[in-house]
Amino acid sequence: MTVTIVGSQLGDEGKGGVVDLYGEDADVVARYQGGDNAGHTVVHDGEEYKLSLVPSGAVRGKVGVLGNGCVVNPETLFAELDTLHERGLDPDVRVAERAHVIMPYHRVLDGVEEEAKEDLAAGTTGRGIGPTYEDKAGRRGIRVGDLLDPEVLRERLAYVVPQKRALAEEVYGLDAGEAFDVDALFETYRAYGERLSGMAVNCGEFLAERMGDGERVMFEGAQGTAIDIDHGIYPYVTSSNPTAGAAAVGTGVGPTVIGRGEVVGVVKAYLSRVGTGPLPTELGAVEGQTPEGGGDTSGEAEELATYIRDEGGEYGTVTGRPRRVGWLDVPMLRHAARANGFTGLAVNHVDVLAGLDTVRVGHAYDLDGEELLTMPPTTEQWGRCEAVYREFDGWPEVDWAAVASEGYDALPENARTYLEYVSDELDADLYAVGVGPGREQTVVLETPF
């Protein structure tokens, strides 16, 4: 059996915690897209582990797989594995030979290309994710399997590096260094290949054999549906497909395998966003991210935005910069439910909204006088949408640890009304409700395995 975990919004919904929660019943946890731009935090035995590439389940002794749909930075991978080893863990991580490798020149070019895009910037992490996917589509990428064969590696580098060096020097005026040096790259990545040789697998075959032996597989997506390159707010999107269909493409198992399993949509009880682009339910505004004229900048909305940020910790981990926040956007969720085929929902951060007199949701959009119940196909249209709100009575601050221990009926009544509205609108059952950051601070209604 399989369970696929998908973000239903703009990323940062708390997917890592849901993978951690349900991963206990899985034997294998496979990432199917993205790279080390997908930070997630796992709490295990009171210890906090911050990961960006290693699949969440590896901390709990599950087999972790980075599928062919991922882009892999070996430096990040081995740094995370070494840190876990130092903390007494021995994670079993496999990497698809068909996965593409993030090279140093990808990271260099990512920053300068994003800066050149100005208003069309997608809020990249600068880790080379987009340029690596570009090279994959352009058939000039370097794959994990190439690192295992020195002759092939040198041949690939000799083809692509001069192109990248010319781009850096002649278009962007950079002083190209070792990141664009064939010999230096060859030595570094040949060494990575030697270490990867014991981890590399034919991903689809590996997973099929595991499932054939009766093992249970969880597929883990990164980012969220609204920044899917096909189904998101293009061009303010990631460079891959976080949606459930990519679980098949990004691992090499058939779509009927994914379809026979569960697809759990992870929802944050409000919206948060890092990056530019429209956000119809935005509260307040963040300089450099909220479009001109966007957001509700009334005094009350600014106060609400600050309250939610403070309660939810919606500030950059490194920079301390405030994230954009807003009320729950239900048309966005309906879009995600259709695109992914959710069989269940995990709704996180319900505790963050506690203490508010009124909780609002964007129930629909008004686009030039027409009511829309789901996201329009273009971002320009989405930017013209006005949210049509529905209001709910707020719920009090309670002992959330006790609620998690006692179960769903212990949730405040108004919180249950809010959650049941979301479930009804998306036609998917509630499987879990997150009321705090730890795994034990989750109300579990259903276990998909």
Protein backbone atom coordinates (compact mmCIF):
# COMPACT_ATOMS: atom_id res chain seq x y z
CA MET A 1 0.00 0.00 0.00
CA THR A 2 1.09 3.59 -0.60
CA VAL A 3 0.36 6.95 1.00
CA THR A 4 1.25 10.20 -0.79
CA ILE A 5 1.68 13.40 1.24
CA VAL A 6 1.04 16.62 -0.69
CA GLY A 7 1.08 20.31 0.23
CA SER A 8 -2.21 21.96 -0.69
CA GLN A 9 -1.13 25.61 -0.61
CA LEU A 10 2.12 27.54 -1.10
CA GLY A 11 4.50 25.23 0.77
CA ASP A 12 5.29 25.42 4.50
CA GLU A 13 2.06 23.60 5.43
CA GLY A 14 3.84 21.28 7.86
CA LYS A 15 4.24 18.29 5.54
CA GLY A 16 7.36 17.06 7.34
CA GLY A 17 5.40 16.66 10.55
CA VAL A 18 2.67 14.69 8.77
CA VAL A 19 5.25 12.45 7.10
CA ASP A 20 6.81 11.96 10.52
CA LEU A 21 3.41 11.17 12.04
CA TYR A 22 2.28 8.60 9.49
CA GLY A 23 5.77 7.44 8.52
CA GLU A 24 5.91 5.28 11.62
CA ASP A 25 3.72 2.78 9.75
CA ALA A 26 5.75 3.02 6.52
CA ASP A 27 8.78 0.93 5.60
CA VAL A 28 10.07 3.27 2.88
CA VAL A 29 9.71 7.06 2.50
CA ALA A 30 10.43 8.36 -1.01
CA ARG A 31 10.84 12.00 -2.07
CA TYR A 32 9.62 12.47 -5.63
CA GLN A 33 10.61 16.07 -6.57
CA GLY A 34 12.45 19.14 -5.40
CA GLY A 35 15.86 19.47 -3.84
CA ASP A 36 17.48 21.07 -0.82
CA ASN A 37 15.07 24.01 -1.04
CA ALA A 38 12.52 21.99 0.94
CA GLY A 39 13.33 22.52 4.60
CA HIS A 40 11.46 20.41 7.13
CA THR A 41 11.84 19.86 10.86
CA VAL A 42 11.37 16.49 12.55
CA VAL A 43 11.13 16.06 16.33
CA HIS A 44 12.09 12.58 17.53
CA ASP A 45 12.63 11.51 21.15
CA GLY A 46 12.75 15.16 22.17
CA GLU A 47 15.46 15.94 19.59
CA GLU A 48 14.89 18.37 16.75
CA TYR A 49 16.33 17.57 13.33
CA LYS A 50 16.35 20.16 10.54
CA LEU A 51 16.59 18.54 7.11
CA SER A 52 16.38 19.87 3.58
CA LEU A 53 17.20 16.85 1.44
CA VAL A 54 17.22 13.65 3.49
CA PRO A 55 13.64 12.26 3.55
CA SER A 56 11.88 12.84 6.88
CA GLY A 57 11.37 9.16 7.67
CA ALA A 58 15.12 8.45 7.70
CA VAL A 59 15.34 9.91 11.20
CA ARG A 60 13.02 7.16 12.43
CA GLY A 61 14.95 4.33 10.88
CA LYS A 62 12.91 4.06 7.68
CA VAL A 63 14.54 3.60 4.30
CA GLY A 64 14.69 7.01 2.63
CA VAL A 65 14.74 7.35 -1.16
CA LEU A 66 15.46 10.40 -3.29
CA GLY A 67 13.61 9.65 -6.51
CA ASN A 68 14.52 10.44 -10.10
CA GLY A 69 12.27 13.51 -9.95
CA CYS A 70 14.54 15.10 -7.34
CA VAL A 71 17.57 17.26 -7.99
CA VAL A 72 20.39 16.34 -5.64
CA ASN A 73 23.18 18.46 -4.23
CA PRO A 74 25.72 15.86 -3.00
CA GLU A 75 27.36 18.42 -0.73
CA THR A 76 24.08 19.02 1.12
CA LEU A 77 23.21 15.33 1.18
CA PHE A 78 26.48 14.26 2.75
CA ALA A 79 26.52 17.20 5.18
CA GLU A 80 23.10 16.15 6.47
CA LEU A 81 24.04 12.49 6.65
CA ASP A 82 27.29 13.29 8.48
CA THR A 83 25.41 15.45 10.98
CA LEU A 84 22.91 12.65 11.62
CA HIS A 85 25.79 10.19 12.11
CA GLU A 86 27.37 12.56 14.63
CA ARG A 87 24.10 12.59 16.54
CA GLY A 88 24.05 8.81 16.77
CA LEU A 89 21.75 7.97 13.86
CA ASP A 90 22.53 5.66 10.95
CA PRO A 91 20.03 6.60 8.23
CA ASP A 92 19.54 4.29 5.25
CA VAL A 93 19.22 6.65 2.26
CA ARG A 94 19.10 5.59 -1.39
CA VAL A 95 19.43 7.92 -4.38
CA ALA A 96 17.97 7.31 -7.84
CA GLU A 97 20.61 6.97 -10.53
CA ARG A 98 18.26 8.93 -12.81
CA ALA A 99 18.10 11.91 -10.40
CA HIS A 100 19.86 15.02 -11.68
CA VAL A 101 22.78 16.60 -9.83
CA ILE A 102 22.96 20.24 -8.74
CA MET A 103 26.37 21.54 -9.78
CA PRO A 104 28.20 24.62 -8.43
CA TYR A 105 27.54 26.55 -11.64
CA HIS A 106 23.82 26.02 -11.14
CA ARG A 107 23.99 27.76 -7.77
CA VAL A 108 26.04 30.67 -9.13
CA LEU A 109 23.70 31.23 -12.06
CA ASP A 110 20.56 30.87 -9.93
CA GLY A 111 21.31 34.04 -8.00
CA VAL A 112 22.21 36.26 -10.93
CA GLU A 113 19.35 35.03 -13.11
CA GLU A 114 16.80 35.62 -10.35
CA GLU A 115 18.12 39.14 -9.83
CA ALA A 116 17.83 39.80 -13.55
CA LYS A 117 14.15 38.78 -13.56
CA GLU A 118 13.23 41.65 -11.20
CA ASP A 119 9.41 41.71 -10.93
CA LEU A 120 9.09 38.14 -12.24
CA ALA A 121 11.36 36.76 -9.52
CA ALA A 122 9.85 33.68 -7.89
CA GLY A 123 11.61 34.00 -4.55
CA THR A 124 14.25 31.36 -5.28
CA THR A 125 16.38 29.99 -2.46
CA GLY A 126 19.44 30.44 -4.69
CA ARG A 127 20.39 26.76 -4.35
CA GLY A 128 20.47 25.98 -8.05
CA ILE A 129 17.16 24.10 -8.20
CA GLY A 130 15.68 25.92 -11.20
CA PRO A 131 18.83 25.91 -13.36
CA THR A 132 19.27 22.17 -12.70
CA TYR A 133 15.74 21.43 -13.88
CA GLU A 134 16.36 23.68 -16.90
CA ASP A 135 19.39 21.59 -17.84
CA LYS A 136 17.38 18.41 -17.31
CA ALA A 137 14.75 19.61 -19.79
CA GLY A 138 17.50 20.87 -22.12
CA ARG A 139 19.15 17.42 -22.14
CA ARG A 140 22.45 18.77 -20.86
CA GLY A 141 22.08 17.69 -17.24
CA ILE A 142 24.37 15.47 -15.21
CA ARG A 143 22.72 12.58 -13.38
CA VAL A 144 23.71 10.61 -10.32
CA GLY A 145 24.47 7.63 -12.54
CA ASP A 146 26.97 9.77 -14.46
CA LEU A 147 28.97 10.37 -11.28
CA LEU A 148 29.49 6.62 -10.98
CA ASP A 149 31.34 6.41 -14.32
CA PRO A 150 34.38 8.77 -14.53
CA GLU A 151 34.56 8.61 -18.33
CA VAL A 152 30.93 9.59 -18.73
CA LEU A 153 31.26 12.29 -16.08
CA ARG A 154 34.18 13.96 -17.84
CA GLU A 155 32.37 13.75 -21.18
CA ARG A 156 29.26 15.39 -19.73
CA LEU A 157 31.30 18.14 -18.06
CA ALA A 158 33.30 18.83 -21.21
CA TYR A 159 30.04 19.40 -23.07
CA VAL A 160 28.15 21.60 -20.63
CA VAL A 161 30.73 23.59 -18.64
CA PRO A 162 32.01 25.74 -21.55
CA GLN A 163 28.40 26.76 -22.25
CA LYS A 164 27.89 27.76 -18.63
CA ARG A 165 31.19 29.62 -18.46
CA ALA A 166 30.30 31.61 -21.58
CA LEU A 167 26.89 32.45 -20.09
CA ALA A 168 28.47 33.60 -16.83
CA GLU A 169 31.20 35.69 -18.42
CA GLU A 170 29.64 37.07 -21.59
CA VAL A 171 26.03 37.57 -20.49
CA TYR A 172 26.31 38.30 -16.76
CA GLY A 173 29.86 39.64 -16.63
CA LEU A 174 30.94 37.26 -13.89
CA ASP A 175 34.52 36.25 -13.13
CA ALA A 176 34.11 32.50 -13.59
CA GLY A 177 36.05 30.46 -11.05
CA GLU A 178 36.20 26.81 -9.99
CA ALA A 179 32.44 26.50 -10.37
CA PHE A 180 33.09 26.64 -14.15
CA ASP A 181 36.34 24.63 -14.26
CA VAL A 182 36.05 21.17 -15.84
CA ASP A 183 39.05 19.65 -14.05
CA ALA A 184 38.09 20.94 -10.61
CA LEU A 185 34.50 19.80 -11.02
CA PHE A 186 35.59 16.40 -12.29
CA GLU A 187 37.76 15.69 -9.24
CA THR A 188 35.12 16.83 -6.76
CA TYR A 189 32.20 15.02 -8.33
CA ARG A 190 34.11 11.84 -9.09
CA ALA A 191 34.76 11.65 -5.33
CA TYR A 192 31.06 12.20 -4.66
CA GLY A 193 30.31 9.40 -7.10
CA GLU A 194 32.52 7.00 -5.16
CA ARG A 195 30.54 7.72 -2.00
CA LEU A 196 27.21 7.53 -3.83
CA SER A 197 28.03 4.15 -5.36
CA GLY A 198 26.72 2.31 -2.33
CA MET A 199 23.54 4.37 -2.23
CA ALA A 200 22.51 4.63 -5.89
CA VAL A 201 19.51 2.57 -7.05
CA ASN A 202 17.24 2.07 -10.03
CA CYS A 203 14.42 3.80 -8.17
CA GLY A 204 11.32 2.33 -9.81
CA GLU A 205 12.69 -1.20 -9.66
CA PHE A 206 13.84 -0.73 -6.05
CA LEU A 207 10.39 0.47 -4.92
CA ALA A 208 8.55 -2.22 -6.93
CA GLU A 209 10.61 -4.93 -5.27
CA ARG A 210 9.91 -3.48 -1.83
CA MET A 211 6.18 -3.30 -2.48
CA GLY A 212 6.30 -6.79 -3.95
CA ASP A 213 7.66 -7.97 -0.62
CA GLY A 214 4.65 -6.41 1.11
CA GLU A 215 6.38 -3.29 2.38
CA ARG A 216 4.49 -0.01 2.70
CA VAL A 217 5.73 3.07 0.87
CA MET A 218 5.09 6.71 1.63
CA PHE A 219 5.67 9.29 -1.11
CA GLU A 220 6.74 12.70 0.15
CA GLY A 221 6.21 15.85 -1.87
CA ALA A 222 8.02 19.15 -1.34
CA GLN A 223 6.58 22.68 -1.64
CA GLY A 224 2.85 23.00 -2.40
CA THR A 225 0.24 22.74 -5.15
CA ALA A 226 -0.11 26.49 -5.70
CA ILE A 227 3.56 26.69 -6.68
CA ASP A 228 3.48 23.62 -8.92
CA ILE A 229 5.07 24.57 -12.25
CA ASP A 230 1.99 23.37 -14.17
CA HIS A 231 -0.84 23.95 -11.71
CA GLY A 232 0.47 26.89 -9.69
CA ILE A 233 0.69 30.67 -9.92
CA TYR A 234 3.15 30.74 -12.82
CA PRO A 235 5.74 32.28 -13.00
CA TYR A 236 5.91 32.57 -9.18
CA VAL A 237 6.36 28.82 -8.91
CA THR A 238 8.91 26.14 -8.16
CA SER A 239 10.59 24.23 -10.99
CA SER A 240 8.92 20.85 -10.49
CA ASN A 241 5.54 19.23 -9.78
CA PRO A 242 4.65 18.87 -6.08
CA THR A 243 1.23 17.47 -7.04
CA ALA A 244 0.37 13.81 -6.49
CA GLY A 245 0.71 12.81 -10.14
CA ALA A 246 4.43 13.49 -9.91
CA ALA A 247 4.79 10.76 -7.29
CA ALA A 248 4.56 8.26 -10.14
CA VAL A 249 6.71 10.17 -12.63
CA GLY A 250 9.30 11.13 -10.01
CA THR A 251 9.90 7.60 -8.70
CA GLY A 252 9.21 5.21 -11.56
CA VAL A 253 6.12 3.47 -10.18
CA GLY A 254 2.90 3.39 -12.19
CA PRO A 255 0.08 5.90 -11.68
CA THR A 256 -2.26 3.04 -10.80
CA VAL A 257 -0.02 2.31 -7.79
CA ILE A 258 -0.45 5.87 -6.51
CA GLY A 259 -4.16 5.82 -7.38
CA ARG A 260 -4.82 2.68 -5.37
CA GLY A 261 -3.33 4.28 -2.27
CA GLU A 262 -4.17 7.28 -0.12
CA VAL A 263 -3.40 10.90 -1.01
CA VAL A 264 -3.31 13.13 2.06
CA GLY A 265 -3.49 16.89 1.53
CA VAL A 266 -1.73 18.97 4.14
CA VAL A 267 -3.41 22.30 4.92
CA LYS A 268 -2.20 25.15 7.09
CA ALA A 269 -5.20 26.71 8.86
CA TYR A 270 -4.17 30.08 7.40
CA LEU A 271 -1.85 31.11 4.55
CA SER A 272 1.84 31.91 4.67
CA ARG A 273 4.13 32.74 1.79
CA VAL A 274 7.71 33.70 1.06
CA GLY A 275 8.02 35.32 -2.36
CA THR A 276 6.26 37.66 -4.71
CA GLY A 277 3.01 37.34 -6.61
CA PRO A 278 -0.68 37.91 -5.80
CA LEU A 279 -2.32 36.70 -2.58
CA PRO A 280 -6.04 37.63 -2.49
CA THR A 281 -6.53 36.94 1.26
CA GLU A 282 -3.29 38.60 2.41
CA LEU A 283 -3.34 40.44 5.73
CA GLY A 284 -1.03 43.43 5.88
CA ALA A 285 1.89 43.66 3.48
CA VAL A 286 5.57 42.73 3.39
CA GLU A 287 7.92 45.14 1.67
CA GLY A 288 9.61 43.65 -1.37
CA GLN A 289 7.12 40.76 -1.61
CA THR A 290 3.55 42.06 -1.58
CA PRO A 291 2.68 43.51 -5.01
CA GLU A 292 1.92 47.21 -5.19
CA GLY A 293 -1.65 47.77 -4.05
CA GLY A 294 -1.91 44.22 -2.68
CA GLY A 295 -2.76 43.05 0.81
CA ASP A 296 -5.18 44.52 3.35
CA THR A 297 -3.15 47.31 4.90
CA SER A 298 -5.79 48.61 7.29
CA GLY A 299 -4.67 48.99 10.89
CA GLU A 300 -6.77 46.02 12.05
CA ALA A 301 -5.39 43.77 9.30
CA GLU A 302 -1.81 44.76 10.10
CA GLU A 303 -2.43 43.90 13.76
CA LEU A 304 -3.92 40.52 12.80
CA ALA A 305 -0.96 39.80 10.51
CA THR A 306 1.48 40.54 13.33
CA TYR A 307 -0.52 38.38 15.74
CA ILE A 308 -0.53 35.41 13.36
CA ARG A 309 3.17 35.82 12.58
CA ASP A 310 4.07 35.93 16.26
CA GLU A 311 1.88 32.98 17.21
CA GLY A 312 2.92 30.91 14.20
CA GLY A 313 6.60 31.86 14.14
CA GLU A 314 6.18 33.22 10.63
CA TYR A 315 9.61 34.82 10.41
CA GLY A 316 12.62 33.72 8.37
CA THR A 317 14.78 31.27 10.29
CA VAL A 318 18.01 32.97 9.21
CA THR A 319 16.97 36.49 8.21
CA GLY A 320 14.20 37.08 10.75
CA ARG A 321 12.19 38.72 7.97
CA PRO A 322 8.39 38.55 8.33
CA ARG A 323 6.58 36.17 6.00
CA ARG A 324 3.42 37.11 4.16
CA VAL A 325 0.32 35.78 5.91
CA GLY A 326 -3.37 35.69 5.10
CA TRP A 327 -6.69 34.05 5.80
CA LEU A 328 -7.34 30.55 4.48
CA ASP A 329 -7.96 30.62 0.71
CA VAL A 330 -10.60 27.99 -0.01
CA PRO A 331 -10.64 28.37 -3.83
CA MET A 332 -6.93 27.52 -3.68
CA LEU A 333 -7.78 24.42 -1.64
CA ARG A 334 -10.55 23.32 -4.01
CA HIS A 335 -8.06 23.61 -6.86
CA ALA A 336 -5.58 21.48 -4.92
CA ALA A 337 -8.19 18.86 -4.04
CA ARG A 338 -9.10 18.43 -7.70
CA ALA A 339 -5.52 18.40 -8.98
CA ASN A 340 -4.37 15.85 -6.40
CA GLY A 341 -7.43 13.74 -5.65
CA PHE A 342 -7.21 14.03 -1.88
CA THR A 343 -8.60 11.11 0.06
CA GLY A 344 -7.92 12.78 3.41
CA LEU A 345 -6.74 16.01 5.01
CA ALA A 346 -4.27 16.95 7.71
CA VAL A 347 -4.92 20.50 8.95
CA ASN A 348 -2.09 22.11 10.89
CA HIS A 349 -1.61 25.22 13.07
CA VAL A 350 -5.19 25.36 14.32
CA ASP A 351 -3.75 26.53 17.66
CA VAL A 352 -2.20 29.62 16.01
CA LEU A 353 -5.65 31.12 15.35
CA ALA A 354 -6.81 30.63 18.95
CA GLY A 355 -7.74 33.82 20.76
CA LEU A 356 -9.22 35.63 17.76
CA ASP A 357 -12.81 36.82 18.10
CA THR A 358 -13.50 36.07 14.44
CA VAL A 359 -11.76 33.81 11.95
CA ARG A 360 -12.37 34.51 8.27
CA VAL A 361 -11.85 32.39 5.17
CA GLY A 362 -11.80 33.41 1.54
CA HIS A 363 -14.77 31.25 0.50
CA ALA A 364 -14.86 32.37 -3.14
CA TYR A 365 -13.42 34.98 -5.52
CA ASP A 366 -15.03 37.86 -7.31
CA LEU A 367 -13.36 38.23 -10.72
CA ASP A 368 -14.76 41.18 -12.65
CA GLY A 369 -18.22 40.54 -11.21
CA GLU A 370 -18.16 36.76 -11.67
CA GLU A 371 -18.05 34.41 -8.68
CA LEU A 372 -15.32 31.78 -8.86
CA LEU A 373 -15.05 28.82 -6.50
CA THR A 374 -11.60 27.77 -7.65
CA MET A 375 -8.39 29.42 -8.90
CA PRO A 376 -8.46 30.84 -12.43
CA PRO A 377 -5.87 29.49 -14.89
CA THR A 378 -3.63 32.56 -15.15
CA THR A 379 -1.85 34.43 -12.39
CA GLU A 380 -2.90 37.75 -13.94
CA GLN A 381 -6.54 36.76 -13.49
CA TRP A 382 -5.80 35.56 -9.96
CA GLY A 383 -4.25 38.94 -9.19
CA ARG A 384 -7.56 40.63 -10.10
CA CYS A 385 -9.57 38.34 -7.83
CA GLU A 386 -11.20 39.83 -4.75
CA ALA A 387 -11.77 37.42 -1.89
CA VAL A 388 -15.38 36.83 -0.85
CA TYR A 389 -15.20 36.07 2.85
CA ARG A 390 -17.10 33.85 5.21
CA GLU A 391 -16.77 34.39 8.96
CA PHE A 392 -16.53 31.92 11.81
CA ASP A 393 -16.64 32.53 15.54
CA GLY A 394 -13.18 32.21 17.02
CA TRP A 395 -12.05 29.68 19.60
CA PRO A 396 -10.19 30.13 22.88
CA GLU A 397 -6.64 29.25 23.81
CA VAL A 398 -6.73 25.87 25.57
CA ASP A 399 -4.33 23.20 26.81
CA TRP A 400 -3.44 21.86 23.36
CA ALA A 401 -1.38 18.98 24.74
CA ALA A 402 -4.47 17.79 26.59
CA VAL A 403 -6.55 18.17 23.43
CA ALA A 404 -4.09 16.07 21.45
CA SER A 405 -4.20 13.41 24.15
CA GLU A 406 -8.00 13.36 24.51
CA GLY A 407 -8.89 13.46 20.81
CA TYR A 408 -11.03 15.34 18.32
CA ASP A 409 -14.01 15.97 20.61
CA ALA A 410 -11.71 17.87 22.99
CA LEU A 411 -11.12 20.55 20.35
CA PRO A 412 -13.08 23.76 20.99
CA GLU A 413 -16.49 23.55 19.31
CA ASN A 414 -15.86 26.55 17.05
CA ALA A 415 -12.57 25.03 15.87
CA ARG A 416 -14.41 21.83 14.97
CA THR A 417 -16.97 23.88 12.99
CA TYR A 418 -14.13 25.51 11.07
CA LEU A 419 -12.43 22.19 10.35
CA GLU A 420 -15.64 20.50 9.25
CA TYR A 421 -16.33 23.36 6.85
CA VAL A 422 -12.93 22.77 5.21
CA SER A 423 -13.56 19.03 5.04
CA ASP A 424 -16.99 19.53 3.46
CA GLU A 425 -15.74 22.05 0.88
CA LEU A 426 -12.92 19.72 -0.22
CA ASP A 427 -15.01 16.53 0.00
CA ALA A 428 -12.24 14.80 1.95
CA ASP A 429 -12.26 13.41 5.47
CA LEU A 430 -10.17 14.89 8.26
CA TYR A 431 -7.32 12.52 9.07
CA ALA A 432 -5.31 14.67 11.48
CA VAL A 433 -5.35 18.09 13.17
CA GLY A 434 -2.09 19.71 14.21
CA VAL A 435 -2.31 21.76 17.42
CA GLY A 436 1.41 22.27 18.03
CA PRO A 437 4.84 21.67 16.52
CA GLY A 438 5.56 18.23 17.96
CA ARG A 439 4.38 14.89 16.68
CA GLU A 440 2.57 14.28 19.97
CA GLN A 441 0.65 17.56 19.49
CA THR A 442 -1.52 16.11 16.75
CA VAL A 443 -5.09 14.91 16.98
CA VAL A 444 -5.19 11.72 14.91
CA LEU A 445 -8.57 10.71 13.50
CA GLU A 446 -7.46 8.27 10.79
CA THR A 447 -4.26 6.40 10.00
CA PRO A 448 -4.07 6.04 6.21
CA PHE A 449 -1.97 2.87 6.27
